[in-house]
């Protein structure tokens, strides 16, 4: 069942400036999110920035240039990693989220 929150989110993410504004706000809140997560005993799931760090650490240790991601969702990992990898393959089963990712990254060279 689609909730009102889902409907509102679907409208918001279709606004052209949604992702740039979301990226800016997310960056501003990152330090607080990490501090709160650490103070809470590092519960699962970790903040997105921690996942990014893990991927970057592995890519450096193993000299990885290609990222394969399953579950694109809104494409935040693609956004964070697009300048760090030569190629990114992201798989999304949900047709609406797939279409959104295609729209969001239509000009990206990955």
PDB file of N, CA and C in Angstrom:
ATOM      1  N   UNK A   1       0.840  -1.180   0.000  1.00  0.00           N
ATOM      2  CA  UNK A   1       0.000   0.000   0.000  1.00  0.00           C
ATOM      3  C   UNK A   1       0.885   1.242   0.000  1.00  0.00           C
ATOM      4  N   UNK A   2       0.593   2.164  -0.870  1.00  0.00           N
ATOM      5  CA  UNK A   2       1.364   3.397  -0.964  1.00  0.00           C
ATOM      6  C   UNK A   2       0.838   4.388   0.060  1.00  0.00           C
ATOM      7  N   UNK A   3       1.748   4.875   0.910  1.00  0.00           N
ATOM      8  CA  UNK A   3       1.362   5.806   1.962  1.00  0.00           C
ATOM      9  C   UNK A   3       1.410   7.240   1.455  1.00  0.00           C
ATOM     10  N   UNK A   4       0.869   8.137   2.246  1.00  0.00           N
ATOM     11  CA  UNK A   4       0.913   9.561   1.907  1.00  0.00           C
ATOM     12  C   UNK A   4       2.361  10.043   1.850  1.00  0.00           C
ATOM     13  N   UNK A   5       3.183   9.564   2.765  1.00  0.00           N
ATOM     14  CA  UNK A   5       4.605   9.931   2.782  1.00  0.00           C
ATOM     15  C   UNK A   5       5.276   9.501   1.475  1.00  0.00           C
ATOM     16  N   UNK A   6       4.967   8.288   0.999  1.00  0.00           N
ATOM     17  CA  UNK A   6       5.520   7.800  -0.272  1.00  0.00           C
ATOM     18  C   UNK A   6       5.098   8.698  -1.433  1.00  0.00           C
ATOM     19  N   UNK A   7       3.852   9.106  -1.419  1.00  0.00           N
ATOM     20  CA  UNK A   7       3.346   9.975  -2.493  1.00  0.00           C
ATOM     21  C   UNK A   7       4.037  11.336  -2.470  1.00  0.00           C
ATOM     22  N   UNK A   8       4.202  11.897  -1.280  1.00  0.00           N
ATOM     23  CA  UNK A   8       4.876  13.192  -1.145  1.00  0.00           C
ATOM     24  C   UNK A   8       6.323  13.074  -1.604  1.00  0.00           C
ATOM     25  N   UNK A   9       7.008  12.013  -1.175  1.00  0.00           N
ATOM     26  CA  UNK A   9       8.394  11.801  -1.593  1.00  0.00           C
ATOM     27  C   UNK A   9       8.504  11.677  -3.107  1.00  0.00           C
ATOM     28  N   UNK A  10       7.573  10.990  -3.719  1.00  0.00           N
ATOM     29  CA  UNK A  10       7.606  10.803  -5.170  1.00  0.00           C
ATOM     30  C   UNK A  10       7.490  12.151  -5.882  1.00  0.00           C
ATOM     31  N   UNK A  11       6.655  13.034  -5.364  1.00  0.00           N
ATOM     32  CA  UNK A  11       6.518  14.368  -5.950  1.00  0.00           C
ATOM     33  C   UNK A  11       7.792  15.173  -5.723  1.00  0.00           C
ATOM     34  N   UNK A  12       8.329  15.139  -4.508  1.00  0.00           N
ATOM     35  CA  UNK A  12       9.529  15.917  -4.186  1.00  0.00           C
ATOM     36  C   UNK A  12      10.722  15.520  -5.042  1.00  0.00           C
ATOM     37  N   UNK A  13      10.941  14.229  -5.219  1.00  0.00           N
ATOM     38  CA  UNK A  13      12.125  13.802  -5.965  1.00  0.00           C
ATOM     39  C   UNK A  13      12.027  14.111  -7.451  1.00  0.00           C
ATOM     40  N   UNK A  14      10.848  14.487  -7.904  1.00  0.00           N
ATOM     41  CA  UNK A  14      10.709  14.862  -9.310  1.00  0.00           C
ATOM     42  C   UNK A  14      11.050  16.344  -9.538  1.00  0.00           C
ATOM     43  N   UNK A  15      11.216  17.100  -8.469  1.00  0.00           N
ATOM     44  CA  UNK A  15      11.575  18.522  -8.581  1.00  0.00           C
ATOM     45  C   UNK A  15      13.049  18.612  -8.989  1.00  0.00           C
ATOM     46  N   UNK A  16      13.376  19.410 -10.012  1.00  0.00           N
ATOM     47  CA  UNK A  16      14.746  19.443 -10.545  1.00  0.00           C
ATOM     48  C   UNK A  16      15.856  19.724  -9.524  1.00  0.00           C
ATOM     49  N   UNK A  17      15.634  20.575  -8.552  1.00  0.00           N
ATOM     50  CA  UNK A  17      16.687  20.906  -7.583  1.00  0.00           C
ATOM     51  C   UNK A  17      16.691  20.002  -6.345  1.00  0.00           C
ATOM     52  N   UNK A  18      15.833  19.001  -6.328  1.00  0.00           N
ATOM     53  CA  UNK A  18      15.734  18.138  -5.155  1.00  0.00           C
ATOM     54  C   UNK A  18      17.080  17.512  -4.777  1.00  0.00           C
ATOM     55  N   UNK A  19      17.748  16.854  -5.714  1.00  0.00           N
ATOM     56  CA  UNK A  19      18.977  16.142  -5.382  1.00  0.00           C
ATOM     57  C   UNK A  19      20.135  17.065  -5.027  1.00  0.00           C
ATOM     58  N   UNK A  20      20.355  18.171  -5.739  1.00  0.00           N
ATOM     59  CA  UNK A  20      21.433  19.075  -5.309  1.00  0.00           C
ATOM     60  C   UNK A  20      21.211  19.634  -3.897  1.00  0.00           C
ATOM     61  N   UNK A  21      19.982  20.006  -3.583  1.00  0.00           N
ATOM     62  CA  UNK A  21      19.683  20.522  -2.239  1.00  0.00           C
ATOM     63  C   UNK A  21      19.836  19.407  -1.215  1.00  0.00           C
ATOM     64  N   UNK A  22      19.356  18.222  -1.538  1.00  0.00           N
ATOM     65  CA  UNK A  22      19.464  17.067  -0.630  1.00  0.00           C
ATOM     66  C   UNK A  22      20.927  16.727  -0.367  1.00  0.00           C
ATOM     67  N   UNK A  23      21.773  16.775  -1.406  1.00  0.00           N
ATOM     68  CA  UNK A  23      23.202  16.498  -1.238  1.00  0.00           C
ATOM     69  C   UNK A  23      23.845  17.516  -0.312  1.00  0.00           C
ATOM     70  N   UNK A  24      23.519  18.777  -0.485  1.00  0.00           N
ATOM     71  CA  UNK A  24      24.075  19.834   0.361  1.00  0.00           C
ATOM     72  C   UNK A  24      23.680  19.642   1.813  1.00  0.00           C
ATOM     73  N   UNK A  25      22.404  19.431   2.067  1.00  0.00           N
ATOM     74  CA  UNK A  25      21.930  19.239   3.441  1.00  0.00           C
ATOM     75  C   UNK A  25      22.515  17.983   4.071  1.00  0.00           C
ATOM     76  N   UNK A  26      22.604  16.934   3.296  1.00  0.00           N
ATOM     77  CA  UNK A  26      23.177  15.684   3.794  1.00  0.00           C
ATOM     78  C   UNK A  26      24.629  15.882   4.208  1.00  0.00           C
ATOM     79  N   UNK A  27      25.370  16.615   3.398  1.00  0.00           N
ATOM     80  CA  UNK A  27      26.768  16.894   3.727  1.00  0.00           C
ATOM     81  C   UNK A  27      26.910  17.681   5.007  1.00  0.00           C
ATOM     82  N   UNK A  28      26.016  18.621   5.229  1.00  0.00           N
ATOM     83  CA  UNK A  28      26.064  19.434   6.438  1.00  0.00           C
ATOM     84  C   UNK A  28      25.756  18.615   7.692  1.00  0.00           C
ATOM     85  N   UNK A  29      24.936  17.597   7.543  1.00  0.00           N
ATOM     86  CA  UNK A  29      24.524  16.785   8.691  1.00  0.00           C
ATOM     87  C   UNK A  29      25.403  15.556   8.929  1.00  0.00           C
ATOM     88  N   UNK A  30      26.359  15.307   8.046  1.00  0.00           N
ATOM     89  CA  UNK A  30      27.150  14.079   8.096  1.00  0.00           C
ATOM     90  C   UNK A  30      27.906  13.906   9.405  1.00  0.00           C
ATOM     91  N   UNK A  31      28.614  14.919   9.856  1.00  0.00           N
ATOM     92  CA  UNK A  31      29.398  14.796  11.089  1.00  0.00           C
ATOM     93  C   UNK A  31      28.510  14.457  12.275  1.00  0.00           C
ATOM     94  N   UNK A  32      27.359  15.101  12.362  1.00  0.00           N
ATOM     95  CA  UNK A  32      26.442  14.820  13.465  1.00  0.00           C
ATOM     96  C   UNK A  32      25.922  13.385  13.392  1.00  0.00           C
ATOM     97  N   UNK A  33      25.588  12.934  12.191  1.00  0.00           N
ATOM     98  CA  UNK A  33      25.095  11.567  12.030  1.00  0.00           C
ATOM     99  C   UNK A  33      26.136  10.548  12.491  1.00  0.00           C
ATOM    100  N   UNK A  34      27.392  10.774  12.119  1.00  0.00           N
ATOM    101  CA  UNK A  34      28.464   9.846  12.502  1.00  0.00           C
ATOM    102  C   UNK A  34      28.677   9.883  14.007  1.00  0.00           C
ATOM    103  N   UNK A  35      28.703  11.070  14.605  1.00  0.00           N
ATOM    104  CA  UNK A  35      28.886  11.174  16.059  1.00  0.00           C
ATOM    105  C   UNK A  35      27.738  10.488  16.803  1.00  0.00           C
ATOM    106  N   UNK A  36      26.512  10.717  16.359  1.00  0.00           N
ATOM    107  CA  UNK A  36      25.355  10.072  16.994  1.00  0.00           C
ATOM    108  C   UNK A  36      25.431   8.560  16.859  1.00  0.00           C
ATOM    109  N   UNK A  37      25.843   8.076  15.687  1.00  0.00           N
ATOM    110  CA  UNK A  37      25.963   6.639  15.439  1.00  0.00           C
ATOM    111  C   UNK A  37      27.029   6.024  16.343  1.00  0.00           C
ATOM    112  N   UNK A  38      28.176   6.701  16.467  1.00  0.00           N
ATOM    113  CA  UNK A  38      29.252   6.202  17.336  1.00  0.00           C
ATOM    114  C   UNK A  38      28.823   6.199  18.792  1.00  0.00           C
ATOM    115  N   UNK A  39      28.162   7.264  19.233  1.00  0.00           N
ATOM    116  CA  UNK A  39      27.706   7.345  20.629  1.00  0.00           C
ATOM    117  C   UNK A  39      26.653   6.293  20.940  1.00  0.00           C
ATOM    118  N   UNK A  40      25.905   5.869  19.935  1.00  0.00           N
ATOM    119  CA  UNK A  40      24.874   4.841  20.126  1.00  0.00           C
ATOM    120  C   UNK A  40      25.454   3.432  20.075  1.00  0.00           C
ATOM    121  N   UNK A  41      26.787   3.328  19.939  1.00  0.00           N
ATOM    122  CA  UNK A  41      27.418   2.008  19.918  1.00  0.00           C
ATOM    123  C   UNK A  41      27.547   1.410  18.530  1.00  0.00           C
ATOM    124  N   UNK A  42      27.457   2.230  17.514  1.00  0.00           N
ATOM    125  CA  UNK A  42      27.591   1.819  16.112  1.00  0.00           C
ATOM    126  C   UNK A  42      26.569   0.752  15.704  1.00  0.00           C
ATOM    127  N   UNK A  43      25.281   1.053  15.892  1.00  0.00           N
ATOM    128  CA  UNK A  43      24.247   0.077  15.511  1.00  0.00           C
ATOM    129  C   UNK A  43      24.132  -0.038  13.990  1.00  0.00           C
ATOM    130  N   UNK A  44      23.507  -1.139  13.572  1.00  0.00           N
ATOM    131  CA  UNK A  44      23.257  -1.359  12.151  1.00  0.00           C
ATOM    132  C   UNK A  44      21.960  -0.663  11.765  1.00  0.00           C
ATOM    133  N   UNK A  45      21.847  -0.053  10.638  1.00  0.00           N
ATOM    134  CA  UNK A  45      22.865   0.157   9.612  1.00  0.00           C
ATOM    135  C   UNK A  45      23.706   1.399   9.924  1.00  0.00           C
ATOM    136  N   UNK A  46      24.930   1.422   9.427  1.00  0.00           N
ATOM    137  CA  UNK A  46      25.768   2.599   9.629  1.00  0.00           C
ATOM    138  C   UNK A  46      25.299   3.748   8.741  1.00  0.00           C
ATOM    139  N   UNK A  47      25.721   4.974   9.056  1.00  0.00           N
ATOM    140  CA  UNK A  47      25.390   6.102   8.180  1.00  0.00           C
ATOM    141  C   UNK A  47      26.003   5.910   6.787  1.00  0.00           C
ATOM    142  N   UNK A  48      25.438   6.562   5.815  1.00  0.00           N
ATOM    143  CA  UNK A  48      25.873   6.410   4.429  1.00  0.00           C
ATOM    144  C   UNK A  48      27.356   6.732   4.256  1.00  0.00           C
ATOM    145  N   UNK A  49      27.851   7.725   4.955  1.00  0.00           N
ATOM    146  CA  UNK A  49      29.256   8.118   4.824  1.00  0.00           C
ATOM    147  C   UNK A  49      30.194   6.986   5.259  1.00  0.00           C
ATOM    148  N   UNK A  50      29.782   6.177   6.201  1.00  0.00           N
ATOM    149  CA  UNK A  50      30.592   5.038   6.654  1.00  0.00           C
ATOM    150  C   UNK A  50      30.641   3.982   5.550  1.00  0.00           C
ATOM    151  N   UNK A  51      29.511   3.734   4.913  1.00  0.00           N
ATOM    152  CA  UNK A  51      29.479   2.787   3.793  1.00  0.00           C
ATOM    153  C   UNK A  51      30.390   3.270   2.663  1.00  0.00           C
ATOM    154  N   UNK A  52      30.364   4.575   2.398  1.00  0.00           N
ATOM    155  CA  UNK A  52      31.233   5.141   1.367  1.00  0.00           C
ATOM    156  C   UNK A  52      32.699   4.905   1.709  1.00  0.00           C
ATOM    157  N   UNK A  53      33.045   5.149   2.969  1.00  0.00           N
ATOM    158  CA  UNK A  53      34.436   4.980   3.408  1.00  0.00           C
ATOM    159  C   UNK A  53      34.892   3.531   3.238  1.00  0.00           C
ATOM    160  N   UNK A  54      34.043   2.589   3.587  1.00  0.00           N
ATOM    161  CA  UNK A  54      34.379   1.171   3.435  1.00  0.00           C
ATOM    162  C   UNK A  54      34.645   0.849   1.967  1.00  0.00           C
ATOM    163  N   UNK A  55      33.759   1.306   1.082  1.00  0.00           N
ATOM    164  CA  UNK A  55      33.958   1.057  -0.353  1.00  0.00           C
ATOM    165  C   UNK A  55      35.260   1.668  -0.856  1.00  0.00           C
ATOM    166  N   UNK A  56      35.543   2.888  -0.440  1.00  0.00           N
ATOM    167  CA  UNK A  56      36.778   3.544  -0.874  1.00  0.00           C
ATOM    168  C   UNK A  56      38.016   2.840  -0.329  1.00  0.00           C
ATOM    169  N   UNK A  57      37.947   2.397   0.921  1.00  0.00           N
ATOM    170  CA  UNK A  57      39.077   1.663   1.516  1.00  0.00           C
ATOM    171  C   UNK A  57      39.356   0.380   0.735  1.00  0.00           C
ATOM    172  N   UNK A  58      38.304  -0.388   0.435  1.00  0.00           N
ATOM    173  CA  UNK A  58      38.480  -1.624  -0.336  1.00  0.00           C
ATOM    174  C   UNK A  58      38.995  -1.333  -1.744  1.00  0.00           C
ATOM    175  N   UNK A  59      38.483  -0.259  -2.344  1.00  0.00           N
ATOM    176  CA  UNK A  59      38.927   0.057  -3.702  1.00  0.00           C
ATOM    177  C   UNK A  59      40.411   0.394  -3.737  1.00  0.00           C
ATOM    178  N   UNK A  60      40.911   1.028  -2.683  1.00  0.00           N
ATOM    179  CA  UNK A  60      42.336   1.362  -2.626  1.00  0.00           C
ATOM    180  C   UNK A  60      43.192   0.128  -2.343  1.00  0.00           C
ATOM    181  N   UNK A  61      42.760  -0.679  -1.385  1.00  0.00           N
ATOM    182  CA  UNK A  61      43.519  -1.877  -1.018  1.00  0.00           C
ATOM    183  C   UNK A  61      43.633  -2.845  -2.198  1.00  0.00           C
ATOM    184  N   UNK A  62      42.557  -3.026  -2.945  1.00  0.00           N
ATOM    185  CA  UNK A  62      42.528  -4.006  -4.028  1.00  0.00           C
ATOM    186  C   UNK A  62      42.608  -3.374  -5.420  1.00  0.00           C
ATOM    187  N   UNK A  63      42.871  -2.072  -5.466  1.00  0.00           N
ATOM    188  CA  UNK A  63      43.002  -1.350  -6.735  1.00  0.00           C
ATOM    189  C   UNK A  63      41.784  -1.581  -7.639  1.00  0.00           C
ATOM    190  N   UNK A  64      40.605  -1.382  -7.076  1.00  0.00           N
ATOM    191  CA  UNK A  64      39.361  -1.596  -7.813  1.00  0.00           C
ATOM    192  C   UNK A  64      38.980  -0.335  -8.570  1.00  0.00           C
ATOM    193  N   UNK A  65      38.596  -0.470  -9.817  1.00  0.00           N
ATOM    194  CA  UNK A  65      38.209   0.669 -10.647  1.00  0.00           C
ATOM    195  C   UNK A  65      36.750   0.581 -11.101  1.00  0.00           C
ATOM    196  N   UNK A  66      36.099  -0.553 -10.821  1.00  0.00           N
ATOM    197  CA  UNK A  66      34.703  -0.755 -11.208  1.00  0.00           C
ATOM    198  C   UNK A  66      33.887  -1.052  -9.956  1.00  0.00           C
ATOM    199  N   UNK A  67      32.746  -0.386  -9.826  1.00  0.00           N
ATOM    200  CA  UNK A  67      31.832  -0.615  -8.711  1.00  0.00           C
ATOM    201  C   UNK A  67      30.556  -1.233  -9.256  1.00  0.00           C
ATOM    202  N   UNK A  68      30.124  -2.318  -8.646  1.00  0.00           N
ATOM    203  CA  UNK A  68      28.839  -2.933  -8.975  1.00  0.00           C
ATOM    204  C   UNK A  68      27.982  -2.832  -7.725  1.00  0.00           C
ATOM    205  N   UNK A  69      26.836  -2.199  -7.887  1.00  0.00           N
ATOM    206  CA  UNK A  69      25.930  -1.965  -6.756  1.00  0.00           C
ATOM    207  C   UNK A  69      24.591  -2.609  -7.047  1.00  0.00           C
ATOM    208  N   UNK A  70      24.017  -3.235  -6.043  1.00  0.00           N
ATOM    209  CA  UNK A  70      22.662  -3.768  -6.181  1.00  0.00           C
ATOM    210  C   UNK A  70      21.750  -2.960  -5.270  1.00  0.00           C
ATOM    211  N   UNK A  71      20.644  -2.516  -5.823  1.00  0.00           N
ATOM    212  CA  UNK A  71      19.721  -1.698  -5.047  1.00  0.00           C
ATOM    213  C   UNK A  71      20.085  -0.225  -5.139  1.00  0.00           C
ATOM    214  N   UNK A  72      19.870   0.366  -6.287  1.00  0.00           N
ATOM    215  CA  UNK A  72      20.222   1.763  -6.538  1.00  0.00           C
ATOM    216  C   UNK A  72      19.481   2.713  -5.605  1.00  0.00           C
ATOM    217  N   UNK A  73      18.229   2.420  -5.341  1.00  0.00           N
ATOM    218  CA  UNK A  73      17.310   3.268  -4.581  1.00  0.00           C
ATOM    219  C   UNK A  73      17.310   4.663  -5.194  1.00  0.00           C
ATOM    220  N   UNK A  74      17.748   5.711  -4.490  1.00  0.00           N
ATOM    221  CA  UNK A  74      17.737   7.063  -5.053  1.00  0.00           C
ATOM    222  C   UNK A  74      19.051   7.440  -5.728  1.00  0.00           C
ATOM    223  N   UNK A  75      20.031   6.544  -5.681  1.00  0.00           N
ATOM    224  CA  UNK A  75      21.283   6.791  -6.377  1.00  0.00           C
ATOM    225  C   UNK A  75      22.337   7.522  -5.573  1.00  0.00           C
ATOM    226  N   UNK A  76      22.182   7.553  -4.259  1.00  0.00           N
ATOM    227  CA  UNK A  76      23.135   8.299  -3.432  1.00  0.00           C
ATOM    228  C   UNK A  76      24.544   7.714  -3.463  1.00  0.00           C
ATOM    229  N   UNK A  77      24.661   6.396  -3.533  1.00  0.00           N
ATOM    230  CA  UNK A  77      26.003   5.801  -3.597  1.00  0.00           C
ATOM    231  C   UNK A  77      26.645   6.097  -4.957  1.00  0.00           C
ATOM    232  N   UNK A  78      25.855   6.068  -6.006  1.00  0.00           N
ATOM    233  CA  UNK A  78      26.386   6.435  -7.322  1.00  0.00           C
ATOM    234  C   UNK A  78      26.912   7.864  -7.269  1.00  0.00           C
ATOM    235  N   UNK A  79      26.130   8.753  -6.716  1.00  0.00           N
ATOM    236  CA  UNK A  79      26.526  10.160  -6.610  1.00  0.00           C
ATOM    237  C   UNK A  79      27.836  10.298  -5.844  1.00  0.00           C
ATOM    238  N   UNK A  80      27.956   9.588  -4.741  1.00  0.00           N
ATOM    239  CA  UNK A  80      29.149   9.689  -3.902  1.00  0.00           C
ATOM    240  C   UNK A  80      30.377   9.067  -4.554  1.00  0.00           C
ATOM    241  N   UNK A  81      30.187   8.039  -5.382  1.00  0.00           N
ATOM    242  CA  UNK A  81      31.310   7.284  -5.939  1.00  0.00           C
ATOM    243  C   UNK A  81      31.634   7.600  -7.392  1.00  0.00           C
ATOM    244  N   UNK A  82      30.834   8.423  -8.044  1.00  0.00           N
ATOM    245  CA  UNK A  82      30.991   8.616  -9.495  1.00  0.00           C
ATOM    246  C   UNK A  82      32.353   9.184  -9.893  1.00  0.00           C
ATOM    247  N   UNK A  83      33.002   9.914  -9.020  1.00  0.00           N
ATOM    248  CA  UNK A  83      34.334  10.425  -9.360  1.00  0.00           C
ATOM    249  C   UNK A  83      35.453   9.522  -8.832  1.00  0.00           C
ATOM    250  N   UNK A  84      35.091   8.468  -8.132  1.00  0.00           N
ATOM    251  CA  UNK A  84      36.082   7.592  -7.502  1.00  0.00           C
ATOM    252  C   UNK A  84      36.351   6.311  -8.289  1.00  0.00           C
ATOM    253  N   UNK A  85      35.434   5.951  -9.182  1.00  0.00           N
ATOM    254  CA  UNK A  85      35.554   4.728  -9.969  1.00  0.00           C
ATOM    255  C   UNK A  85      35.514   5.061 -11.450  1.00  0.00           C
ATOM    256  N   UNK A  86      36.159   4.249 -12.255  1.00  0.00           N
ATOM    257  CA  UNK A  86      36.128   4.437 -13.709  1.00  0.00           C
ATOM    258  C   UNK A  86      34.765   4.081 -14.284  1.00  0.00           C
ATOM    259  N   UNK A  87      34.121   3.108 -13.675  1.00  0.00           N
ATOM    260  CA  UNK A  87      32.838   2.614 -14.187  1.00  0.00           C
ATOM    261  C   UNK A  87      31.979   2.188 -12.999  1.00  0.00           C
ATOM    262  N   UNK A  88      30.681   2.470 -13.091  1.00  0.00           N
ATOM    263  CA  UNK A  88      29.735   2.044 -12.051  1.00  0.00           C
ATOM    264  C   UNK A  88      28.560   1.349 -12.727  1.00  0.00           C
ATOM    265  N   UNK A  89      28.236   0.166 -12.228  1.00  0.00           N
ATOM    266  CA  UNK A  89      27.048  -0.564 -12.660  1.00  0.00           C
ATOM    267  C   UNK A  89      26.138  -0.657 -11.440  1.00  0.00           C
ATOM    268  N   UNK A  90      24.940  -0.135 -11.568  1.00  0.00           N
ATOM    269  CA  UNK A  90      24.003  -0.176 -10.455  1.00  0.00           C
ATOM    270  C   UNK A  90      22.719  -0.832 -10.930  1.00  0.00           C
ATOM    271  N   UNK A  91      22.238  -1.779 -10.159  1.00  0.00           N
ATOM    272  CA  UNK A  91      21.087  -2.594 -10.539  1.00  0.00           C
ATOM    273  C   UNK A  91      19.910  -2.236  -9.639  1.00  0.00           C
ATOM    274  N   UNK A  92      18.798  -1.883 -10.246  1.00  0.00           N
ATOM    275  CA  UNK A  92      17.587  -1.549  -9.490  1.00  0.00           C
ATOM    276  C   UNK A  92      16.407  -2.287 -10.094  1.00  0.00           C
ATOM    277  N   UNK A  93      15.710  -3.057  -9.270  1.00  0.00           N
ATOM    278  CA  UNK A  93      14.584  -3.868  -9.749  1.00  0.00           C
ATOM    279  C   UNK A  93      13.285  -3.069  -9.842  1.00  0.00           C
ATOM    280  N   UNK A  94      13.125  -2.048  -8.990  1.00  0.00           N
ATOM    281  CA  UNK A  94      11.913  -1.237  -9.000  1.00  0.00           C
ATOM    282  C   UNK A  94      11.929  -0.307 -10.223  1.00  0.00           C
ATOM    283  N   UNK A  95      10.912  -0.405 -11.042  1.00  0.00           N
ATOM    284  CA  UNK A  95      10.881   0.356 -12.299  1.00  0.00           C
ATOM    285  C   UNK A  95      10.885   1.865 -12.077  1.00  0.00           C
ATOM    286  N   UNK A  96      10.165   2.337 -11.069  1.00  0.00           N
ATOM    287  CA  UNK A  96      10.126   3.778 -10.801  1.00  0.00           C
ATOM    288  C   UNK A  96      11.487   4.291 -10.331  1.00  0.00           C
ATOM    289  N   UNK A  97      12.133   3.544  -9.439  1.00  0.00           N
ATOM    290  CA  UNK A  97      13.454   3.950  -8.957  1.00  0.00           C
ATOM    291  C   UNK A  97      14.498   3.859 -10.064  1.00  0.00           C
ATOM    292  N   UNK A  98      14.357   2.851 -10.927  1.00  0.00           N
ATOM    293  CA  UNK A  98      15.238   2.721 -12.081  1.00  0.00           C
ATOM    294  C   UNK A  98      15.109   3.943 -12.997  1.00  0.00           C
ATOM    295  N   UNK A  99      13.866   4.348 -13.271  1.00  0.00           N
ATOM    296  CA  UNK A  99      13.623   5.511 -14.125  1.00  0.00           C
ATOM    297  C   UNK A  99      14.183   6.780 -13.489  1.00  0.00           C
ATOM    298  N   UNK A 100      14.022   6.897 -12.183  1.00  0.00           N
ATOM    299  CA  UNK A 100      14.549   8.055 -11.469  1.00  0.00           C
ATOM    300  C   UNK A 100      16.071   8.119 -11.568  1.00  0.00           C
ATOM    301  N   UNK A 101      16.727   6.978 -11.384  1.00  0.00           N
ATOM    302  CA  UNK A 101      18.193   6.936 -11.474  1.00  0.00           C
ATOM    303  C   UNK A 101      18.648   7.283 -12.891  1.00  0.00           C
ATOM    304  N   UNK A 102      17.954   6.767 -13.882  1.00  0.00           N
ATOM    305  CA  UNK A 102      18.293   7.110 -15.274  1.00  0.00           C
ATOM    306  C   UNK A 102      18.190   8.609 -15.501  1.00  0.00           C
ATOM    307  N   UNK A 103      17.148   9.204 -14.973  1.00  0.00           N
ATOM    308  CA  UNK A 103      16.961  10.646 -15.120  1.00  0.00           C
ATOM    309  C   UNK A 103      18.039  11.416 -14.368  1.00  0.00           C
ATOM    310  N   UNK A 104      18.303  10.996 -13.147  1.00  0.00           N
ATOM    311  CA  UNK A 104      19.279  11.710 -12.307  1.00  0.00           C
ATOM    312  C   UNK A 104      20.683  11.682 -12.909  1.00  0.00           C
ATOM    313  N   UNK A 105      21.055  10.567 -13.524  1.00  0.00           N
ATOM    314  CA  UNK A 105      22.432  10.400 -14.003  1.00  0.00           C
ATOM    315  C   UNK A 105      22.538  10.376 -15.526  1.00  0.00           C
ATOM    316  N   UNK A 106      21.565  10.917 -16.201  1.00  0.00           N
ATOM    317  CA  UNK A 106      21.566  10.847 -17.664  1.00  0.00           C
ATOM    318  C   UNK A 106      22.764  11.543 -18.282  1.00  0.00           C
ATOM    319  N   UNK A 107      23.354  12.525 -17.617  1.00  0.00           N
ATOM    320  CA  UNK A 107      24.511  13.235 -18.162  1.00  0.00           C
ATOM    321  C   UNK A 107      25.834  12.773 -17.562  1.00  0.00           C
ATOM    322  N   UNK A 108      25.778  11.848 -16.622  1.00  0.00           N
ATOM    323  CA  UNK A 108      27.002  11.371 -15.966  1.00  0.00           C
ATOM    324  C   UNK A 108      27.747  10.413 -16.886  1.00  0.00           C
ATOM    325  N   UNK A 109      29.063  10.491 -16.830  1.00  0.00           N
ATOM    326  CA  UNK A 109      29.895   9.581 -17.622  1.00  0.00           C
ATOM    327  C   UNK A 109      30.503   8.573 -16.658  1.00  0.00           C
ATOM    328  N   UNK A 110      29.872   7.385 -16.624  1.00  0.00           N
ATOM    329  CA  UNK A 110      30.339   6.350 -15.708  1.00  0.00           C
ATOM    330  C   UNK A 110      30.507   5.067 -16.459  1.00  0.00           C
TER     331      UNK A 110
END
